[in-house]
Amino acid sequence: MSQNKKKLKEKNQDTSRVYKNKKLYSNSAQPELENTKQQKFNFEQEEVEDELDTSFLDKKKRYKKASPTVVEEKEKYPIELLLCSFSLLFLLSSFVLYHYATFDHNKVKIVTKTKEVVKGVLEENVVFLGDSITDFYDLKKYYPDHFVVNSGVSGNITDDILDDMEKRVYQYNPSKVFLLIGTNDLHKERKVEEVVENIQKIVTEIKENRPKVEIYLESIYPVNKDIGDGAQNRHNEDIRSINDKLEDYCHDEKITYIDLYDDLANDDDSLKEEYTKDGLHLNDEGYDKVTEKIEKYL
């Protein structure tokens, strides 16, 4: 080691905190340090021989009392929450009692009654089912205040309706059905019994698939062979026979039968001239007469 470095080391030792307080760490003080288990420093070897015992500090922390402020807050919070809940419950109860005492209950009853009336009208759905006589019937003109569906198709016979009941009737979910069919069956020279049987099948199927529907069976209208050519292959005698059988059937099955034959026929038992344009189909005056009779059932 050089002389300069050796002198510098000695100088630092002479001016250090440990050197200045050397007497505090003399052998005479060692017994006290040992008793309190403090550090004992070896000045010759420049190192600590014993570790500091700090267990008493850990014990002090372990038994430290909880903060009284924290305990106070924990006890205070549930009471405040309970008081707040009771206050909200009281305010809600007061509002309900006030609302019930001051509400106009008679007004509610009146409004409800009005809605029920409107609801009944909206639920009514009337289907007119038949052939060209129904097809040419301007239902919107004659029944503007009702929900009506024209399910008449020109040239139809009873079989055509039986083969397409879903599209012709069921899809409309009707509350009432007015059925007029059969005159074209006679044009195809079908027998009276066959026409009556098919009409009964139509009524039966409607009742089975829509049991709550009201069915109104119209009589087949008379024809007039002296006007135009619409009455070809049709005879009023056969029409009357079919109508008589249908009337008896309706009576037995408790179905409403609407006799329009007598309302449209003249003294010669033919369709009145003022009601037709071709001896079969009706004109405006003829539909006016039919509407006058049917609107009683709506």
C-alpha atoms as a PDB file:
ATOM      1  CA  MET A   1       0.000   0.000   0.000  1.00  0.00           C
ATOM      2  CA  SER A   2       1.380   3.450  -0.885  1.00  0.00           C
ATOM      3  CA  GLN A   3       2.181   5.985   1.803  1.00  0.00           C
ATOM      4  CA  ASN A   4      -0.481   8.416   0.536  1.00  0.00           C
ATOM      5  CA  LYS A   5      -3.254   5.835   0.659  1.00  0.00           C
ATOM      6  CA  LYS A   6      -2.155   4.693   4.131  1.00  0.00           C
ATOM      7  CA  LYS A   7      -2.236   8.256   5.447  1.00  0.00           C
ATOM      8  CA  LEU A   8      -5.645   8.869   3.912  1.00  0.00           C
ATOM      9  CA  LYS A   9      -7.050   5.750   5.552  1.00  0.00           C
ATOM     10  CA  GLU A  10      -5.701   6.734   8.964  1.00  0.00           C
ATOM     11  CA  LYS A  11      -7.105  10.217   8.561  1.00  0.00           C
ATOM     12  CA  ASN A  12     -10.586   8.892   7.719  1.00  0.00           C
ATOM     13  CA  GLN A  13     -10.473   6.588  10.739  1.00  0.00           C
ATOM     14  CA  ASP A  14      -9.486   9.423  13.069  1.00  0.00           C
ATOM     15  CA  THR A  15     -12.358  11.667  11.864  1.00  0.00           C
ATOM     16  CA  SER A  16     -15.094   9.018  11.629  1.00  0.00           C
ATOM     17  CA  ARG A  17     -18.165   9.012  13.908  1.00  0.00           C
ATOM     18  CA  VAL A  18     -17.160   5.661  15.322  1.00  0.00           C
ATOM     19  CA  TYR A  19     -13.647   6.860  16.231  1.00  0.00           C
ATOM     20  CA  LYS A  20     -14.940  10.012  17.908  1.00  0.00           C
ATOM     21  CA  ASN A  21     -17.374   8.008  20.037  1.00  0.00           C
ATOM     22  CA  LYS A  22     -15.011   5.136  20.695  1.00  0.00           C
ATOM     23  CA  LYS A  23     -15.431   5.450  24.427  1.00  0.00           C
ATOM     24  CA  LEU A  24     -19.130   4.699  24.104  1.00  0.00           C
ATOM     25  CA  TYR A  25     -18.301   1.312  22.661  1.00  0.00           C
ATOM     26  CA  SER A  26     -15.463   0.475  25.137  1.00  0.00           C
ATOM     27  CA  ASN A  27     -15.343  -2.818  27.040  1.00  0.00           C
ATOM     28  CA  SER A  28     -16.881  -1.164  30.101  1.00  0.00           C
ATOM     29  CA  ALA A  29     -20.094  -0.595  28.102  1.00  0.00           C
ATOM     30  CA  GLN A  30     -20.320  -4.093  26.691  1.00  0.00           C
ATOM     31  CA  PRO A  31     -22.190  -5.643  29.614  1.00  0.00           C
ATOM     32  CA  GLU A  32     -25.013  -3.131  29.220  1.00  0.00           C
ATOM     33  CA  LEU A  33     -25.213  -3.809  25.493  1.00  0.00           C
ATOM     34  CA  GLU A  34     -25.340  -7.514  26.136  1.00  0.00           C
ATOM     35  CA  ASN A  35     -28.069  -7.135  28.717  1.00  0.00           C
ATOM     36  CA  THR A  36     -30.241  -5.189  26.325  1.00  0.00           C
ATOM     37  CA  LYS A  37     -29.083  -7.289  23.390  1.00  0.00           C
ATOM     38  CA  GLN A  38     -27.993  -4.232  21.390  1.00  0.00           C
ATOM     39  CA  GLN A  39     -25.321  -4.306  18.703  1.00  0.00           C
ATOM     40  CA  LYS A  40     -21.732  -4.881  19.791  1.00  0.00           C
ATOM     41  CA  PHE A  41     -19.178  -3.474  17.397  1.00  0.00           C
ATOM     42  CA  ASN A  42     -15.653  -4.893  17.101  1.00  0.00           C
ATOM     43  CA  PHE A  43     -13.412  -1.935  16.312  1.00  0.00           C
ATOM     44  CA  GLU A  44     -10.334  -3.957  15.557  1.00  0.00           C
ATOM     45  CA  GLN A  45     -12.030  -6.118  12.958  1.00  0.00           C
ATOM     46  CA  GLU A  46     -14.501  -3.357  12.037  1.00  0.00           C
ATOM     47  CA  GLU A  47     -17.664  -5.566  12.122  1.00  0.00           C
ATOM     48  CA  VAL A  48     -20.837  -6.180  14.175  1.00  0.00           C
ATOM     49  CA  GLU A  49     -20.657  -9.311  16.338  1.00  0.00           C
ATOM     50  CA  ASP A  50     -24.267  -9.508  17.645  1.00  0.00           C
ATOM     51  CA  GLU A  51     -27.600  -8.829  15.825  1.00  0.00           C
ATOM     52  CA  LEU A  52     -30.163  -6.398  17.186  1.00  0.00           C
ATOM     53  CA  ASP A  53     -33.133  -8.060  18.970  1.00  0.00           C
ATOM     54  CA  THR A  54     -36.307  -6.271  17.843  1.00  0.00           C
ATOM     55  CA  SER A  55     -38.889  -8.832  18.934  1.00  0.00           C
ATOM     56  CA  PHE A  56     -40.291  -6.423  21.529  1.00  0.00           C
ATOM     57  CA  LEU A  57     -41.289  -4.079  18.707  1.00  0.00           C
ATOM     58  CA  ASP A  58     -43.267  -6.839  16.923  1.00  0.00           C
ATOM     59  CA  LYS A  59     -45.075  -7.684  20.159  1.00  0.00           C
ATOM     60  CA  LYS A  60     -46.006  -4.072  20.616  1.00  0.00           C
ATOM     61  CA  LYS A  61     -47.522  -3.893  17.151  1.00  0.00           C
ATOM     62  CA  ARG A  62     -49.398  -7.182  17.607  1.00  0.00           C
ATOM     63  CA  TYR A  63     -51.231  -5.946  20.691  1.00  0.00           C
ATOM     64  CA  LYS A  64     -51.958  -2.489  19.386  1.00  0.00           C
ATOM     65  CA  LYS A  65     -55.554  -1.466  20.096  1.00  0.00           C
ATOM     66  CA  ALA A  66     -57.938  -0.845  17.197  1.00  0.00           C
ATOM     67  CA  SER A  67     -58.796   2.713  16.382  1.00  0.00           C
ATOM     68  CA  PRO A  68     -61.864   3.852  18.328  1.00  0.00           C
ATOM     69  CA  THR A  69     -62.948   5.899  15.309  1.00  0.00           C
ATOM     70  CA  VAL A  70     -63.280   2.791  13.132  1.00  0.00           C
ATOM     71  CA  VAL A  71     -65.323   0.945  15.767  1.00  0.00           C
ATOM     72  CA  GLU A  72     -67.631   3.887  16.072  1.00  0.00           C
ATOM     73  CA  GLU A  73     -68.283   4.018  12.306  1.00  0.00           C
ATOM     74  CA  LYS A  74     -69.059   0.288  12.103  1.00  0.00           C
ATOM     75  CA  GLU A  75     -71.655   0.572  14.844  1.00  0.00           C
ATOM     76  CA  LYS A  76     -73.151   3.745  13.441  1.00  0.00           C
ATOM     77  CA  TYR A  77     -73.682   2.621   9.764  1.00  0.00           C
ATOM     78  CA  PRO A  78     -76.457  -0.010  10.315  1.00  0.00           C
ATOM     79  CA  ILE A  79     -78.508   2.424  12.400  1.00  0.00           C
ATOM     80  CA  GLU A  80     -78.380   5.103   9.713  1.00  0.00           C
ATOM     81  CA  LEU A  81     -79.343   2.565   7.023  1.00  0.00           C
ATOM     82  CA  LEU A  82     -82.297   1.356   9.084  1.00  0.00           C
ATOM     83  CA  LEU A  83     -83.534   4.898   9.657  1.00  0.00           C
ATOM     84  CA  CYS A  84     -83.218   5.679   5.936  1.00  0.00           C
ATOM     85  CA  SER A  85     -85.215   2.557   5.000  1.00  0.00           C
ATOM     86  CA  PHE A  86     -88.038   3.441   7.388  1.00  0.00           C
ATOM     87  CA  SER A  87     -88.166   6.976   5.983  1.00  0.00           C
ATOM     88  CA  LEU A  88     -88.466   5.746   2.395  1.00  0.00           C
ATOM     89  CA  LEU A  89     -91.170   3.248   3.364  1.00  0.00           C
ATOM     90  CA  PHE A  90     -93.142   5.957   5.129  1.00  0.00           C
ATOM     91  CA  LEU A  91     -92.958   8.298   2.127  1.00  0.00           C
ATOM     92  CA  LEU A  92     -94.044   5.544  -0.281  1.00  0.00           C
ATOM     93  CA  SER A  93     -96.997   4.552   1.906  1.00  0.00           C
ATOM     94  CA  SER A  94     -98.096   8.163   2.180  1.00  0.00           C
ATOM     95  CA  PHE A  95     -98.004   8.595  -1.606  1.00  0.00           C
ATOM     96  CA  VAL A  96    -100.075   5.454  -2.233  1.00  0.00           C
ATOM     97  CA  LEU A  97    -102.717   6.470   0.310  1.00  0.00           C
ATOM     98  CA  TYR A  98    -102.930   9.978  -1.126  1.00  0.00           C
ATOM     99  CA  HIS A  99    -103.191   8.702  -4.702  1.00  0.00           C
ATOM    100  CA  TYR A 100    -105.958   6.234  -3.800  1.00  0.00           C
ATOM    101  CA  ALA A 101    -107.929   8.863  -1.826  1.00  0.00           C
ATOM    102  CA  THR A 102    -107.806  11.531  -4.552  1.00  0.00           C
ATOM    103  CA  PHE A 103    -108.123   9.332  -7.712  1.00  0.00           C
ATOM    104  CA  ASP A 104    -111.365   9.500  -9.711  1.00  0.00           C
ATOM    105  CA  HIS A 105    -112.450   5.842  -9.806  1.00  0.00           C
ATOM    106  CA  ASN A 106    -115.659   6.588 -11.689  1.00  0.00           C
ATOM    107  CA  LYS A 107    -113.593   7.937 -14.577  1.00  0.00           C
ATOM    108  CA  VAL A 108    -111.764   4.619 -14.884  1.00  0.00           C
ATOM    109  CA  LYS A 109    -115.037   2.708 -15.169  1.00  0.00           C
ATOM    110  CA  ILE A 110    -116.273   4.969 -17.957  1.00  0.00           C
ATOM    111  CA  VAL A 111    -113.075   4.602 -19.995  1.00  0.00           C
ATOM    112  CA  THR A 112    -113.104   0.820 -19.588  1.00  0.00           C
ATOM    113  CA  LYS A 113    -116.680   0.606 -20.821  1.00  0.00           C
ATOM    114  CA  THR A 114    -115.826   2.675 -23.893  1.00  0.00           C
ATOM    115  CA  LYS A 115    -112.899   0.410 -24.765  1.00  0.00           C
ATOM    116  CA  GLU A 116    -115.082  -2.680 -24.505  1.00  0.00           C
ATOM    117  CA  VAL A 117    -117.541  -1.286 -27.029  1.00  0.00           C
ATOM    118  CA  VAL A 118    -114.790  -0.419 -29.512  1.00  0.00           C
ATOM    119  CA  LYS A 119    -113.202  -3.815 -28.997  1.00  0.00           C
ATOM    120  CA  GLY A 120    -116.449  -5.574 -29.921  1.00  0.00           C
ATOM    121  CA  VAL A 121    -116.668  -3.720 -33.237  1.00  0.00           C
ATOM    122  CA  LEU A 122    -113.071  -4.404 -34.173  1.00  0.00           C
ATOM    123  CA  GLU A 123    -113.454  -8.131 -33.523  1.00  0.00           C
ATOM    124  CA  GLU A 124    -116.391  -8.467 -35.973  1.00  0.00           C
ATOM    125  CA  ASN A 125    -115.270  -9.980 -39.279  1.00  0.00           C
ATOM    126  CA  VAL A 126    -117.983 -10.883 -41.790  1.00  0.00           C
ATOM    127  CA  VAL A 127    -117.332 -13.137 -44.793  1.00  0.00           C
ATOM    128  CA  PHE A 128    -119.685 -13.330 -47.776  1.00  0.00           C
ATOM    129  CA  LEU A 129    -119.093 -16.691 -49.458  1.00  0.00           C
ATOM    130  CA  GLY A 130    -120.436 -17.692 -52.861  1.00  0.00           C
ATOM    131  CA  ASP A 131    -120.272 -17.374 -56.652  1.00  0.00           C
ATOM    132  CA  SER A 132    -120.570 -14.456 -59.121  1.00  0.00           C
ATOM    133  CA  ILE A 133    -123.689 -13.032 -57.432  1.00  0.00           C
ATOM    134  CA  THR A 134    -121.550 -12.496 -54.324  1.00  0.00           C
ATOM    135  CA  ASP A 135    -118.479 -11.545 -56.348  1.00  0.00           C
ATOM    136  CA  PHE A 136    -120.338  -8.609 -57.955  1.00  0.00           C
ATOM    137  CA  TYR A 137    -121.760  -7.466 -54.598  1.00  0.00           C
ATOM    138  CA  ASP A 138    -120.085  -4.155 -53.642  1.00  0.00           C
ATOM    139  CA  LEU A 139    -119.831  -4.880 -49.940  1.00  0.00           C
ATOM    140  CA  LYS A 140    -117.821  -1.769 -49.042  1.00  0.00           C
ATOM    141  CA  LYS A 141    -120.501   0.388 -50.620  1.00  0.00           C
ATOM    142  CA  TYR A 142    -123.390  -1.286 -48.829  1.00  0.00           C
ATOM    143  CA  TYR A 143    -121.702  -2.030 -45.468  1.00  0.00           C
ATOM    144  CA  PRO A 144    -119.247   0.835 -44.862  1.00  0.00           C
ATOM    145  CA  ASP A 145    -119.466   0.512 -41.069  1.00  0.00           C
ATOM    146  CA  HIS A 146    -118.599  -3.200 -40.956  1.00  0.00           C
ATOM    147  CA  PHE A 147    -115.512  -5.303 -41.551  1.00  0.00           C
ATOM    148  CA  VAL A 148    -116.611  -7.373 -44.534  1.00  0.00           C
ATOM    149  CA  VAL A 149    -114.724  -9.773 -46.800  1.00  0.00           C
ATOM    150  CA  ASN A 150    -115.949 -10.671 -50.292  1.00  0.00           C
ATOM    151  CA  SER A 151    -115.108 -14.339 -50.823  1.00  0.00           C
ATOM    152  CA  GLY A 152    -117.246 -14.794 -53.925  1.00  0.00           C
ATOM    153  CA  VAL A 153    -115.733 -16.213 -57.129  1.00  0.00           C
ATOM    154  CA  SER A 154    -117.499 -16.090 -60.482  1.00  0.00           C
ATOM    155  CA  GLY A 155    -118.467 -19.493 -61.890  1.00  0.00           C
ATOM    156  CA  ASN A 156    -118.031 -21.348 -58.577  1.00  0.00           C
ATOM    157  CA  ILE A 157    -120.064 -24.409 -57.707  1.00  0.00           C
ATOM    158  CA  THR A 158    -120.332 -26.097 -54.318  1.00  0.00           C
ATOM    159  CA  ASP A 159    -117.351 -28.372 -55.030  1.00  0.00           C
ATOM    160  CA  ASP A 160    -115.076 -25.391 -55.658  1.00  0.00           C
ATOM    161  CA  ILE A 161    -115.754 -24.041 -52.184  1.00  0.00           C
ATOM    162  CA  LEU A 162    -115.360 -27.448 -50.533  1.00  0.00           C
ATOM    163  CA  ASP A 163    -111.964 -27.851 -52.191  1.00  0.00           C
ATOM    164  CA  ASP A 164    -110.635 -24.500 -50.918  1.00  0.00           C
ATOM    165  CA  MET A 165    -112.149 -23.854 -47.492  1.00  0.00           C
ATOM    166  CA  GLU A 166    -108.891 -22.615 -45.970  1.00  0.00           C
ATOM    167  CA  LYS A 167    -108.427 -19.716 -48.396  1.00  0.00           C
ATOM    168  CA  ARG A 168    -112.118 -19.016 -48.875  1.00  0.00           C
ATOM    169  CA  VAL A 169    -113.166 -19.023 -45.205  1.00  0.00           C
ATOM    170  CA  TYR A 170    -110.773 -20.118 -42.444  1.00  0.00           C
ATOM    171  CA  GLN A 171    -107.933 -17.688 -43.085  1.00  0.00           C
ATOM    172  CA  TYR A 172    -110.263 -14.759 -42.342  1.00  0.00           C
ATOM    173  CA  ASN A 173    -111.255 -16.186 -38.943  1.00  0.00           C
ATOM    174  CA  PRO A 174    -114.794 -14.818 -39.440  1.00  0.00           C
ATOM    175  CA  SER A 175    -117.335 -14.070 -36.747  1.00  0.00           C
ATOM    176  CA  LYS A 176    -120.154 -14.369 -39.314  1.00  0.00           C
ATOM    177  CA  VAL A 177    -120.496 -16.120 -42.678  1.00  0.00           C
ATOM    178  CA  PHE A 178    -123.217 -15.416 -45.255  1.00  0.00           C
ATOM    179  CA  LEU A 179    -123.389 -18.325 -47.709  1.00  0.00           C
ATOM    180  CA  LEU A 180    -125.051 -18.145 -51.145  1.00  0.00           C
ATOM    181  CA  ILE A 181    -124.209 -20.999 -53.514  1.00  0.00           C
ATOM    182  CA  GLY A 182    -125.896 -23.581 -55.771  1.00  0.00           C
ATOM    183  CA  THR A 183    -127.233 -21.838 -58.885  1.00  0.00           C
ATOM    184  CA  ASN A 184    -124.193 -22.828 -60.983  1.00  0.00           C
ATOM    185  CA  ASP A 185    -124.591 -26.441 -59.866  1.00  0.00           C
ATOM    186  CA  LEU A 186    -128.016 -26.404 -61.533  1.00  0.00           C
ATOM    187  CA  HIS A 187    -126.464 -24.900 -64.655  1.00  0.00           C
ATOM    188  CA  LYS A 188    -124.237 -28.002 -64.776  1.00  0.00           C
ATOM    189  CA  GLU A 189    -127.417 -30.115 -64.493  1.00  0.00           C
ATOM    190  CA  ARG A 190    -126.646 -31.543 -61.086  1.00  0.00           C
ATOM    191  CA  LYS A 191    -129.467 -33.101 -59.113  1.00  0.00           C
ATOM    192  CA  VAL A 192    -131.310 -31.234 -56.383  1.00  0.00           C
ATOM    193  CA  GLU A 193    -130.275 -33.738 -53.694  1.00  0.00           C
ATOM    194  CA  GLU A 194    -126.605 -33.443 -54.657  1.00  0.00           C
ATOM    195  CA  VAL A 195    -126.677 -29.655 -54.438  1.00  0.00           C
ATOM    196  CA  VAL A 196    -128.348 -29.743 -51.023  1.00  0.00           C
ATOM    197  CA  GLU A 197    -125.869 -32.335 -49.734  1.00  0.00           C
ATOM    198  CA  ASN A 198    -122.844 -30.254 -50.776  1.00  0.00           C
ATOM    199  CA  ILE A 199    -124.250 -27.101 -49.190  1.00  0.00           C
ATOM    200  CA  GLN A 200    -124.744 -29.020 -45.958  1.00  0.00           C
ATOM    201  CA  LYS A 201    -121.120 -30.216 -46.139  1.00  0.00           C
ATOM    202  CA  ILE A 202    -119.914 -26.627 -46.450  1.00  0.00           C
ATOM    203  CA  VAL A 203    -121.902 -25.596 -43.378  1.00  0.00           C
ATOM    204  CA  THR A 204    -120.702 -28.618 -41.383  1.00  0.00           C
ATOM    205  CA  GLU A 205    -117.035 -27.983 -42.154  1.00  0.00           C
ATOM    206  CA  ILE A 206    -117.296 -24.319 -41.185  1.00  0.00           C
ATOM    207  CA  LYS A 207    -118.905 -25.263 -37.865  1.00  0.00           C
ATOM    208  CA  GLU A 208    -116.217 -27.863 -37.131  1.00  0.00           C
ATOM    209  CA  ASN A 209    -113.279 -25.592 -37.941  1.00  0.00           C
ATOM    210  CA  ARG A 210    -114.743 -22.350 -36.601  1.00  0.00           C
ATOM    211  CA  PRO A 211    -117.217 -23.472 -33.899  1.00  0.00           C
ATOM    212  CA  LYS A 212    -117.956 -19.936 -32.667  1.00  0.00           C
ATOM    213  CA  VAL A 213    -118.881 -18.517 -36.083  1.00  0.00           C
ATOM    214  CA  GLU A 214    -122.469 -17.540 -36.858  1.00  0.00           C
ATOM    215  CA  ILE A 215    -123.645 -19.000 -40.187  1.00  0.00           C
ATOM    216  CA  TYR A 216    -126.384 -17.386 -42.284  1.00  0.00           C
ATOM    217  CA  LEU A 217    -127.585 -19.528 -45.185  1.00  0.00           C
ATOM    218  CA  GLU A 218    -129.282 -17.601 -47.985  1.00  0.00           C
ATOM    219  CA  SER A 219    -131.856 -19.118 -50.279  1.00  0.00           C
ATOM    220  CA  ILE A 220    -130.860 -19.452 -53.932  1.00  0.00           C
ATOM    221  CA  TYR A 221    -132.236 -16.464 -55.889  1.00  0.00           C
ATOM    222  CA  PRO A 222    -134.925 -16.926 -58.570  1.00  0.00           C
ATOM    223  CA  VAL A 223    -134.089 -16.523 -62.279  1.00  0.00           C
ATOM    224  CA  ASN A 224    -135.939 -14.889 -65.172  1.00  0.00           C
ATOM    225  CA  LYS A 225    -135.663 -16.683 -68.522  1.00  0.00           C
ATOM    226  CA  ASP A 226    -137.363 -13.814 -70.365  1.00  0.00           C
ATOM    227  CA  ILE A 227    -134.444 -11.445 -69.783  1.00  0.00           C
ATOM    228  CA  GLY A 228    -131.079 -12.177 -71.343  1.00  0.00           C
ATOM    229  CA  ASP A 229    -129.461 -15.601 -71.308  1.00  0.00           C
ATOM    230  CA  GLY A 230    -128.272 -15.803 -67.714  1.00  0.00           C
ATOM    231  CA  ALA A 231    -130.887 -18.332 -66.646  1.00  0.00           C
ATOM    232  CA  GLN A 232    -129.763 -21.138 -68.967  1.00  0.00           C
ATOM    233  CA  ASN A 233    -130.341 -24.666 -67.622  1.00  0.00           C
ATOM    234  CA  ARG A 234    -131.828 -23.256 -64.400  1.00  0.00           C
ATOM    235  CA  HIS A 235    -135.416 -23.816 -63.352  1.00  0.00           C
ATOM    236  CA  ASN A 236    -137.232 -22.020 -60.554  1.00  0.00           C
ATOM    237  CA  GLU A 237    -139.008 -25.262 -59.615  1.00  0.00           C
ATOM    238  CA  ASP A 238    -135.642 -26.865 -58.784  1.00  0.00           C
ATOM    239  CA  ILE A 239    -134.531 -23.715 -56.989  1.00  0.00           C
ATOM    240  CA  ARG A 240    -137.622 -23.757 -54.785  1.00  0.00           C
ATOM    241  CA  SER A 241    -137.119 -27.443 -54.002  1.00  0.00           C
ATOM    242  CA  ILE A 242    -133.543 -26.830 -52.929  1.00  0.00           C
ATOM    243  CA  ASN A 243    -134.579 -23.860 -50.803  1.00  0.00           C
ATOM    244  CA  ASP A 244    -137.290 -25.848 -49.007  1.00  0.00           C
ATOM    245  CA  LYS A 245    -134.792 -28.540 -48.075  1.00  0.00           C
ATOM    246  CA  LEU A 246    -132.254 -25.998 -46.923  1.00  0.00           C
ATOM    247  CA  GLU A 247    -134.829 -24.259 -44.739  1.00  0.00           C
ATOM    248  CA  ASP A 248    -135.684 -27.549 -43.010  1.00  0.00           C
ATOM    249  CA  TYR A 249    -131.994 -28.298 -42.538  1.00  0.00           C
ATOM    250  CA  CYS A 250    -131.364 -24.900 -40.945  1.00  0.00           C
ATOM    251  CA  HIS A 251    -134.294 -25.388 -38.599  1.00  0.00           C
ATOM    252  CA  ASP A 252    -132.911 -28.754 -37.423  1.00  0.00           C
ATOM    253  CA  GLU A 253    -129.336 -27.480 -37.040  1.00  0.00           C
ATOM    254  CA  LYS A 254    -130.354 -24.144 -35.488  1.00  0.00           C
ATOM    255  CA  ILE A 255    -128.785 -22.142 -38.306  1.00  0.00           C
ATOM    256  CA  THR A 256    -130.228 -18.837 -39.514  1.00  0.00           C
ATOM    257  CA  TYR A 257    -131.968 -19.203 -42.873  1.00  0.00           C
ATOM    258  CA  ILE A 258    -132.537 -16.026 -44.925  1.00  0.00           C
ATOM    259  CA  ASP A 259    -135.334 -16.300 -47.477  1.00  0.00           C
ATOM    260  CA  LEU A 260    -134.553 -13.891 -50.319  1.00  0.00           C
ATOM    261  CA  TYR A 261    -136.382 -15.831 -53.016  1.00  0.00           C
ATOM    262  CA  ASP A 262    -139.787 -14.359 -52.135  1.00  0.00           C
ATOM    263  CA  ASP A 263    -138.335 -10.847 -51.797  1.00  0.00           C
ATOM    264  CA  LEU A 264    -136.925 -10.966 -55.337  1.00  0.00           C
ATOM    265  CA  ALA A 265    -139.653 -12.933 -57.172  1.00  0.00           C
ATOM    266  CA  ASN A 266    -142.656 -11.488 -59.028  1.00  0.00           C
ATOM    267  CA  ASP A 267    -146.160 -12.906 -59.268  1.00  0.00           C
ATOM    268  CA  ASP A 268    -145.014 -15.331 -61.979  1.00  0.00           C
ATOM    269  CA  ASP A 269    -142.440 -16.795 -59.584  1.00  0.00           C
ATOM    270  CA  SER A 270    -139.554 -15.321 -61.559  1.00  0.00           C
ATOM    271  CA  LEU A 271    -136.856 -12.806 -60.732  1.00  0.00           C
ATOM    272  CA  LYS A 272    -138.311  -9.303 -60.985  1.00  0.00           C
ATOM    273  CA  GLU A 273    -137.200  -7.451 -64.071  1.00  0.00           C
ATOM    274  CA  GLU A 274    -136.249  -4.305 -62.159  1.00  0.00           C
ATOM    275  CA  TYR A 275    -133.763  -6.328 -60.087  1.00  0.00           C
ATOM    276  CA  THR A 276    -131.738  -7.959 -62.871  1.00  0.00           C
ATOM    277  CA  LYS A 277    -129.764  -7.205 -66.012  1.00  0.00           C
ATOM    278  CA  ASP A 278    -129.526 -10.664 -67.551  1.00  0.00           C
ATOM    279  CA  GLY A 279    -132.146 -12.794 -65.757  1.00  0.00           C
ATOM    280  CA  LEU A 280    -129.579 -14.168 -63.255  1.00  0.00           C
ATOM    281  CA  HIS A 281    -127.296 -11.465 -61.862  1.00  0.00           C
ATOM    282  CA  LEU A 282    -128.604  -8.514 -59.877  1.00  0.00           C
ATOM    283  CA  ASN A 283    -128.374  -4.837 -60.746  1.00  0.00           C
ATOM    284  CA  ASP A 284    -128.024  -2.016 -58.193  1.00  0.00           C
ATOM    285  CA  GLU A 285    -131.746  -2.110 -57.311  1.00  0.00           C
ATOM    286  CA  GLY A 286    -131.529  -5.850 -56.770  1.00  0.00           C
ATOM    287  CA  TYR A 287    -128.540  -5.466 -54.418  1.00  0.00           C
ATOM    288  CA  ASP A 288    -130.367  -2.670 -52.607  1.00  0.00           C
ATOM    289  CA  LYS A 289    -133.193  -5.106 -51.915  1.00  0.00           C
ATOM    290  CA  VAL A 290    -130.810  -7.834 -50.721  1.00  0.00           C
ATOM    291  CA  THR A 291    -128.943  -5.404 -48.480  1.00  0.00           C
ATOM    292  CA  GLU A 292    -132.192  -4.241 -46.939  1.00  0.00           C
ATOM    293  CA  LYS A 293    -132.776  -7.819 -45.771  1.00  0.00           C
ATOM    294  CA  ILE A 294    -129.243  -8.832 -44.790  1.00  0.00           C
ATOM    295  CA  GLU A 295    -128.279  -5.730 -42.816  1.00  0.00           C
ATOM    296  CA  LYS A 296    -130.797  -6.773 -40.165  1.00  0.00           C
ATOM    297  CA  TYR A 297    -128.432  -9.622 -39.257  1.00  0.00           C
ATOM    298  CA  LEU A 298    -125.311  -7.444 -38.890  1.00  0.00           C
END
